[in-house]
Amino acid sequence: MRTDKDILVKGLKRLAYTVMLMFLAPLVIWQAFKNEGHPLYWPVLILGILLAITAIGMGFKGIATIMESLFGKKNKQT
């Protein structure tokens, strides 16, 4: 079994985007809470929460992609 380098690079890129989102999402949420009286409070807060959820999902997907590159695709027995 050999490592598929193309899939590994794809997984590492996903994890790089995840790290960016892990810093960006709390920053956006913090900015929303800092400006609670502003009319754009709710849209900015919702955007921050969506970014946080996306960061979590991309983290799982990136790790799964790296595992697929290392160990190959799992064969399902039906």
C-alpha atoms as a PDB file:
ATOM      1  CA  MET A   1       0.000   0.000   0.000  1.00  0.00           C
ATOM      2  CA  ARG A   2       1.427   3.334  -1.067  1.00  0.00           C
ATOM      3  CA  THR A   3       0.358   6.860  -0.240  1.00  0.00           C
ATOM      4  CA  ASP A   4      -1.581   8.622  -2.977  1.00  0.00           C
ATOM      5  CA  LYS A   5       0.219  11.971  -3.046  1.00  0.00           C
ATOM      6  CA  ASP A   6      -2.450  13.835  -5.017  1.00  0.00           C
ATOM      7  CA  ILE A   7      -5.138  12.977  -2.475  1.00  0.00           C
ATOM      8  CA  LEU A   8      -2.749  13.764   0.383  1.00  0.00           C
ATOM      9  CA  VAL A   9      -2.089  17.254  -1.015  1.00  0.00           C
ATOM     10  CA  LYS A  10      -5.834  17.771  -1.413  1.00  0.00           C
ATOM     11  CA  GLY A  11      -6.367  16.846   2.253  1.00  0.00           C
ATOM     12  CA  LEU A  12      -3.563  19.122   3.418  1.00  0.00           C
ATOM     13  CA  LYS A  13      -5.057  22.007   1.448  1.00  0.00           C
ATOM     14  CA  ARG A  14      -8.407  21.398   3.126  1.00  0.00           C
ATOM     15  CA  LEU A  15      -6.721  21.477   6.520  1.00  0.00           C
ATOM     16  CA  ALA A  16      -4.988  24.750   5.581  1.00  0.00           C
ATOM     17  CA  TYR A  17      -8.380  26.274   4.750  1.00  0.00           C
ATOM     18  CA  THR A  18      -9.674  24.877   8.032  1.00  0.00           C
ATOM     19  CA  VAL A  19      -6.949  26.655   9.992  1.00  0.00           C
ATOM     20  CA  MET A  20      -7.798  29.927   8.249  1.00  0.00           C
ATOM     21  CA  LEU A  21     -11.476  29.480   9.078  1.00  0.00           C
ATOM     22  CA  MET A  22     -10.629  28.556  12.676  1.00  0.00           C
ATOM     23  CA  PHE A  23      -9.108  32.017  13.102  1.00  0.00           C
ATOM     24  CA  LEU A  24     -11.596  33.911  10.941  1.00  0.00           C
ATOM     25  CA  ALA A  25     -14.834  32.564  12.466  1.00  0.00           C
ATOM     26  CA  PRO A  26     -14.145  33.620  16.089  1.00  0.00           C
ATOM     27  CA  LEU A  27     -12.936  37.004  14.839  1.00  0.00           C
ATOM     28  CA  VAL A  28     -16.191  37.600  12.941  1.00  0.00           C
ATOM     29  CA  ILE A  29     -18.275  36.424  15.923  1.00  0.00           C
ATOM     30  CA  TRP A  30     -16.295  38.704  18.242  1.00  0.00           C
ATOM     31  CA  GLN A  31     -16.856  41.663  15.920  1.00  0.00           C
ATOM     32  CA  ALA A  32     -20.579  40.934  15.903  1.00  0.00           C
ATOM     33  CA  PHE A  33     -20.770  40.865  19.714  1.00  0.00           C
ATOM     34  CA  LYS A  34     -18.673  44.022  19.922  1.00  0.00           C
ATOM     35  CA  ASN A  35     -21.245  45.903  17.802  1.00  0.00           C
ATOM     36  CA  GLU A  36     -24.565  44.636  19.185  1.00  0.00           C
ATOM     37  CA  GLY A  37     -26.360  47.917  18.511  1.00  0.00           C
ATOM     38  CA  HIS A  38     -25.439  47.962  14.819  1.00  0.00           C
ATOM     39  CA  PRO A  39     -28.150  47.056  12.280  1.00  0.00           C
ATOM     40  CA  LEU A  40     -25.890  44.396  10.725  1.00  0.00           C
ATOM     41  CA  TYR A  41     -25.430  42.578  14.053  1.00  0.00           C
ATOM     42  CA  TRP A  42     -27.532  39.536  13.133  1.00  0.00           C
ATOM     43  CA  PRO A  43     -26.144  39.008   9.603  1.00  0.00           C
ATOM     44  CA  VAL A  44     -22.550  39.249  10.858  1.00  0.00           C
ATOM     45  CA  LEU A  45     -23.275  36.891  13.762  1.00  0.00           C
ATOM     46  CA  ILE A  46     -24.940  34.373  11.443  1.00  0.00           C
ATOM     47  CA  LEU A  47     -21.982  34.626   9.039  1.00  0.00           C
ATOM     48  CA  GLY A  48     -19.569  33.942  11.903  1.00  0.00           C
ATOM     49  CA  ILE A  49     -21.551  30.915  13.049  1.00  0.00           C
ATOM     50  CA  LEU A  50     -21.693  29.556   9.488  1.00  0.00           C
ATOM     51  CA  LEU A  51     -17.932  30.027   9.163  1.00  0.00           C
ATOM     52  CA  ALA A  52     -17.411  28.111  12.417  1.00  0.00           C
ATOM     53  CA  ILE A  53     -19.636  25.246  11.263  1.00  0.00           C
ATOM     54  CA  THR A  54     -17.796  25.194   7.923  1.00  0.00           C
ATOM     55  CA  ALA A  55     -14.445  25.031   9.744  1.00  0.00           C
ATOM     56  CA  ILE A  56     -15.594  22.003  11.721  1.00  0.00           C
ATOM     57  CA  GLY A  57     -16.928  20.242   8.618  1.00  0.00           C
ATOM     58  CA  MET A  58     -13.822  20.971   6.566  1.00  0.00           C
ATOM     59  CA  GLY A  59     -11.644  19.709   9.409  1.00  0.00           C
ATOM     60  CA  PHE A  60     -13.409  16.359   9.432  1.00  0.00           C
ATOM     61  CA  LYS A  61     -13.396  16.170   5.634  1.00  0.00           C
ATOM     62  CA  GLY A  62      -9.688  17.063   5.467  1.00  0.00           C
ATOM     63  CA  ILE A  63      -8.715  14.408   8.004  1.00  0.00           C
ATOM     64  CA  ALA A  64     -10.874  11.855   6.185  1.00  0.00           C
ATOM     65  CA  THR A  65      -9.169  12.741   2.889  1.00  0.00           C
ATOM     66  CA  ILE A  66      -5.726  12.310   4.446  1.00  0.00           C
ATOM     67  CA  MET A  67      -6.755   8.940   5.907  1.00  0.00           C
ATOM     68  CA  GLU A  68      -8.034   7.895   2.478  1.00  0.00           C
ATOM     69  CA  SER A  69      -4.702   8.795   0.895  1.00  0.00           C
ATOM     70  CA  LEU A  70      -2.753   6.824   3.500  1.00  0.00           C
ATOM     71  CA  PHE A  71      -4.892   3.715   3.813  1.00  0.00           C
ATOM     72  CA  GLY A  72      -6.970   3.663   0.617  1.00  0.00           C
ATOM     73  CA  LYS A  73     -10.709   3.651   0.230  1.00  0.00           C
ATOM     74  CA  LYS A  74     -12.695   1.436   2.559  1.00  0.00           C
ATOM     75  CA  ASN A  75     -14.478  -1.381   0.729  1.00  0.00           C
ATOM     76  CA  LYS A  76     -18.030  -1.984   1.915  1.00  0.00           C
ATOM     77  CA  GLN A  77     -19.218  -5.590   2.051  1.00  0.00           C
ATOM     78  CA  THR A  78     -22.910  -5.951   1.179  1.00  0.00           C
END
